[in-house]
Protein backbone atom coordinates (compact mmCIF):
# COMPACT_ATOMS: atom_id res chain seq x y z
CA MET A 1 15.18 -7.10 9.51
CA ARG A 2 12.24 -6.01 7.40
CA VAL A 3 12.33 -4.25 4.04
CA GLY A 4 9.54 -1.97 2.85
CA HIS A 5 8.90 -0.41 -0.54
CA GLY A 6 6.62 2.55 -1.22
CA PHE A 7 5.42 4.31 -4.34
CA ASP A 8 3.17 7.31 -4.82
CA VAL A 9 2.18 9.67 -7.60
CA HIS A 10 0.24 12.92 -7.78
CA ARG A 11 -0.76 15.07 -10.73
CA PHE A 12 0.09 18.75 -10.99
CA THR A 13 -2.57 21.35 -10.30
CA PRO A 14 -2.44 25.16 -10.33
CA ASP A 15 -2.85 27.36 -7.26
CA ARG A 16 -1.14 25.04 -4.78
CA PRO A 17 2.39 25.09 -3.41
CA LEU A 18 4.71 22.26 -4.42
CA ILE A 19 5.85 20.47 -1.28
CA LEU A 20 8.39 17.64 -1.42
CA GLY A 21 10.02 16.16 1.65
CA GLY A 22 8.47 18.93 3.70
CA VAL A 23 10.18 21.61 1.59
CA THR A 24 8.22 24.18 -0.40
CA VAL A 25 9.84 24.10 -3.83
CA PRO A 26 9.36 27.09 -6.14
CA HIS A 27 7.24 25.98 -9.10
CA ASP A 28 4.22 27.21 -11.03
CA GLN A 29 2.10 24.23 -9.88
CA GLY A 30 1.61 22.06 -6.83
CA LEU A 31 0.33 18.52 -6.48
CA LEU A 32 -3.33 17.56 -6.30
CA ALA A 33 -4.14 15.59 -3.15
CA HIS A 34 -6.41 15.46 -0.10
CA SER A 35 -3.41 16.37 2.08
CA ASP A 36 -0.60 18.78 1.17
CA GLY A 37 0.33 16.43 -1.70
CA ASP A 38 3.85 15.60 -0.53
CA VAL A 39 4.36 12.60 -2.81
CA LEU A 40 7.81 11.88 -1.34
CA ILE A 41 6.57 11.56 2.23
CA HIS A 42 3.56 9.52 1.10
CA ALA A 43 5.86 6.97 -0.55
CA LEU A 44 8.02 6.91 2.57
CA CYS A 45 5.02 6.33 4.84
CA ASP A 46 3.88 3.44 2.64
CA ALA A 47 7.36 1.87 2.77
CA LEU A 48 7.52 2.16 6.56
CA LEU A 49 4.01 0.84 7.10
CA GLY A 50 4.53 -1.99 4.63
CA ALA A 51 7.77 -3.11 6.26
CA ALA A 52 5.98 -3.28 9.62
CA GLY A 53 3.04 -5.20 8.13
CA LEU A 54 0.68 -2.32 8.94
CA GLY A 55 -0.96 -1.75 5.57
CA ASP A 56 -0.66 1.52 3.71
CA ILE A 57 -1.09 5.24 4.20
CA GLY A 58 -4.70 5.18 2.97
CA ARG A 59 -5.65 2.72 5.70
CA HIS A 60 -4.29 4.95 8.45
CA PHE A 61 -5.07 8.37 6.97
CA PRO A 62 -8.00 7.96 4.54
CA ASP A 63 -8.67 10.68 1.99
CA SER A 64 -12.35 10.41 2.90
CA SER A 65 -11.62 11.88 6.34
CA ALA A 66 -11.95 15.64 6.88
CA GLU A 67 -9.33 15.30 9.63
CA PHE A 68 -6.62 14.87 7.01
CA ALA A 69 -7.77 17.52 4.51
CA GLY A 70 -4.78 19.73 3.73
CA ILE A 71 -2.69 18.16 6.50
CA ASP A 72 1.07 18.60 6.55
CA SER A 73 2.46 15.22 5.47
CA ARG A 74 5.29 15.58 7.99
CA VAL A 75 2.61 15.17 10.68
CA LEU A 76 1.57 11.90 9.01
CA LEU A 77 5.18 10.72 8.88
CA ARG A 78 5.67 11.42 12.59
CA ARG A 79 2.49 9.46 13.35
CA VAL A 80 3.79 6.52 11.31
CA VAL A 81 7.10 6.66 13.19
CA ALA A 82 5.17 6.60 16.49
CA LEU A 83 3.28 3.49 15.32
CA LEU A 84 6.61 1.79 14.58
CA GLU A 85 8.03 2.78 17.95
CA GLU A 86 4.95 1.34 19.70
CA ARG A 87 5.71 -1.98 17.99
CA GLN A 88 9.43 -1.72 18.80
CA PHE A 89 10.67 -1.29 15.25
CA GLY A 90 13.72 0.83 14.61
CA ILE A 91 14.40 2.47 11.27
CA ALA A 92 17.86 1.56 9.97
CA ASN A 93 17.73 3.70 6.84
CA ALA A 94 15.54 5.08 4.08
CA ASP A 95 16.37 5.63 0.41
CA LEU A 96 14.02 7.71 -1.73
CA THR A 97 13.81 8.72 -5.37
CA ILE A 98 11.73 11.56 -6.81
CA VAL A 99 10.79 11.25 -10.49
CA ALA A 100 10.06 14.67 -12.01
CA GLN A 101 10.87 16.36 -15.28
CA ALA A 102 10.46 19.73 -13.58
CA PRO A 103 11.28 21.56 -11.41
CA ARG A 104 14.98 21.00 -10.84
CA LEU A 105 15.37 19.68 -7.30
CA ALA A 106 19.11 19.45 -6.58
CA ALA A 107 19.15 22.66 -4.53
CA HIS A 108 16.43 21.30 -2.22
CA ILE A 109 17.63 17.75 -1.57
CA GLU A 110 19.63 18.48 1.59
CA ALA A 111 16.69 20.30 3.20
CA MET A 112 14.43 17.35 2.34
CA LYS A 113 16.91 14.92 3.88
CA GLY A 114 17.10 17.05 7.01
CA ASN A 115 13.32 17.14 7.41
CA LEU A 116 12.90 13.41 6.86
CA ALA A 117 15.80 12.52 9.18
CA ALA A 118 14.35 14.74 11.91
CA ASP A 119 10.87 13.26 11.55
CA MET A 120 12.21 9.68 11.61
CA GLU A 121 14.63 10.52 14.44
CA LEU A 122 17.61 9.39 12.37
CA PRO A 123 21.02 10.82 11.58
CA VAL A 124 20.83 12.54 8.20
CA GLU A 125 23.46 10.11 6.85
CA ARG A 126 20.84 7.34 7.02
CA VAL A 127 18.46 9.11 4.65
CA GLY A 128 19.05 9.16 0.92
CA VAL A 129 17.04 11.41 -1.38
CA LYS A 130 17.68 11.50 -5.12
CA ALA A 131 15.88 13.11 -8.02
CA THR A 132 15.73 11.95 -11.61
CA THR A 133 13.85 12.67 -14.82
CA THR A 134 12.33 10.30 -17.33
CA GLU A 135 14.04 12.01 -20.28
CA GLY A 136 10.69 13.38 -21.42
CA LEU A 137 8.92 10.00 -21.36
CA GLY A 138 5.64 9.15 -19.62
CA PHE A 139 3.40 11.32 -17.48
CA THR A 140 6.30 12.80 -15.51
CA GLY A 141 8.13 13.56 -18.75
CA ARG A 142 5.05 15.36 -20.05
CA HIS A 143 5.03 17.53 -16.88
CA GLU A 144 1.72 16.02 -15.73
CA GLY A 145 2.87 15.10 -12.23
CA ILE A 146 5.53 13.70 -9.94
CA ALA A 147 6.18 10.17 -8.71
CA ALA A 148 8.28 8.96 -5.80
CA TYR A 149 9.75 5.65 -4.66
CA ALA A 150 10.95 4.74 -1.18
CA VAL A 151 12.79 1.75 0.26
CA VAL A 152 13.32 1.33 4.00
CA LEU A 153 14.99 -1.15 6.30
CA LEU A 154 13.40 -1.74 9.71
CA LEU A 155 15.02 -3.58 12.60
CA ASP A 156 13.22 -5.46 15.37
CA GLU A 157 14.49 -3.79 18.52
């Protein structure tokens, strides 16, 4: 068994959609990033890559590459899953936490779980997605951005 932990953060910016877990969430701002800014999937990719000893998302999909400009992060997640499959790792489960003061995310959690489960080829019951606030503290509490944490368990197949 191998455990991986991922963390990512992006600041808000106007004139972009807010995408979390592959779901477009209604909000007046999106997240600034080279890709689509899906902070949740970026943390998940880092956790998966780290558990497999394969570095981080920036190593595989550098923000200096035009190839990844504006890319759908679900494409990146599927590529990470393919890398794991090539090395005969199976994903046992993933548990993720979104840290955001706004917007409210409860209505979107199940869709996020469904997207992530599909991309990782897992039953939805093996994917946990939660959202929390920081009670107004820190950069997320000041509505400056969103952070996400991910923990995964890989199995040698």
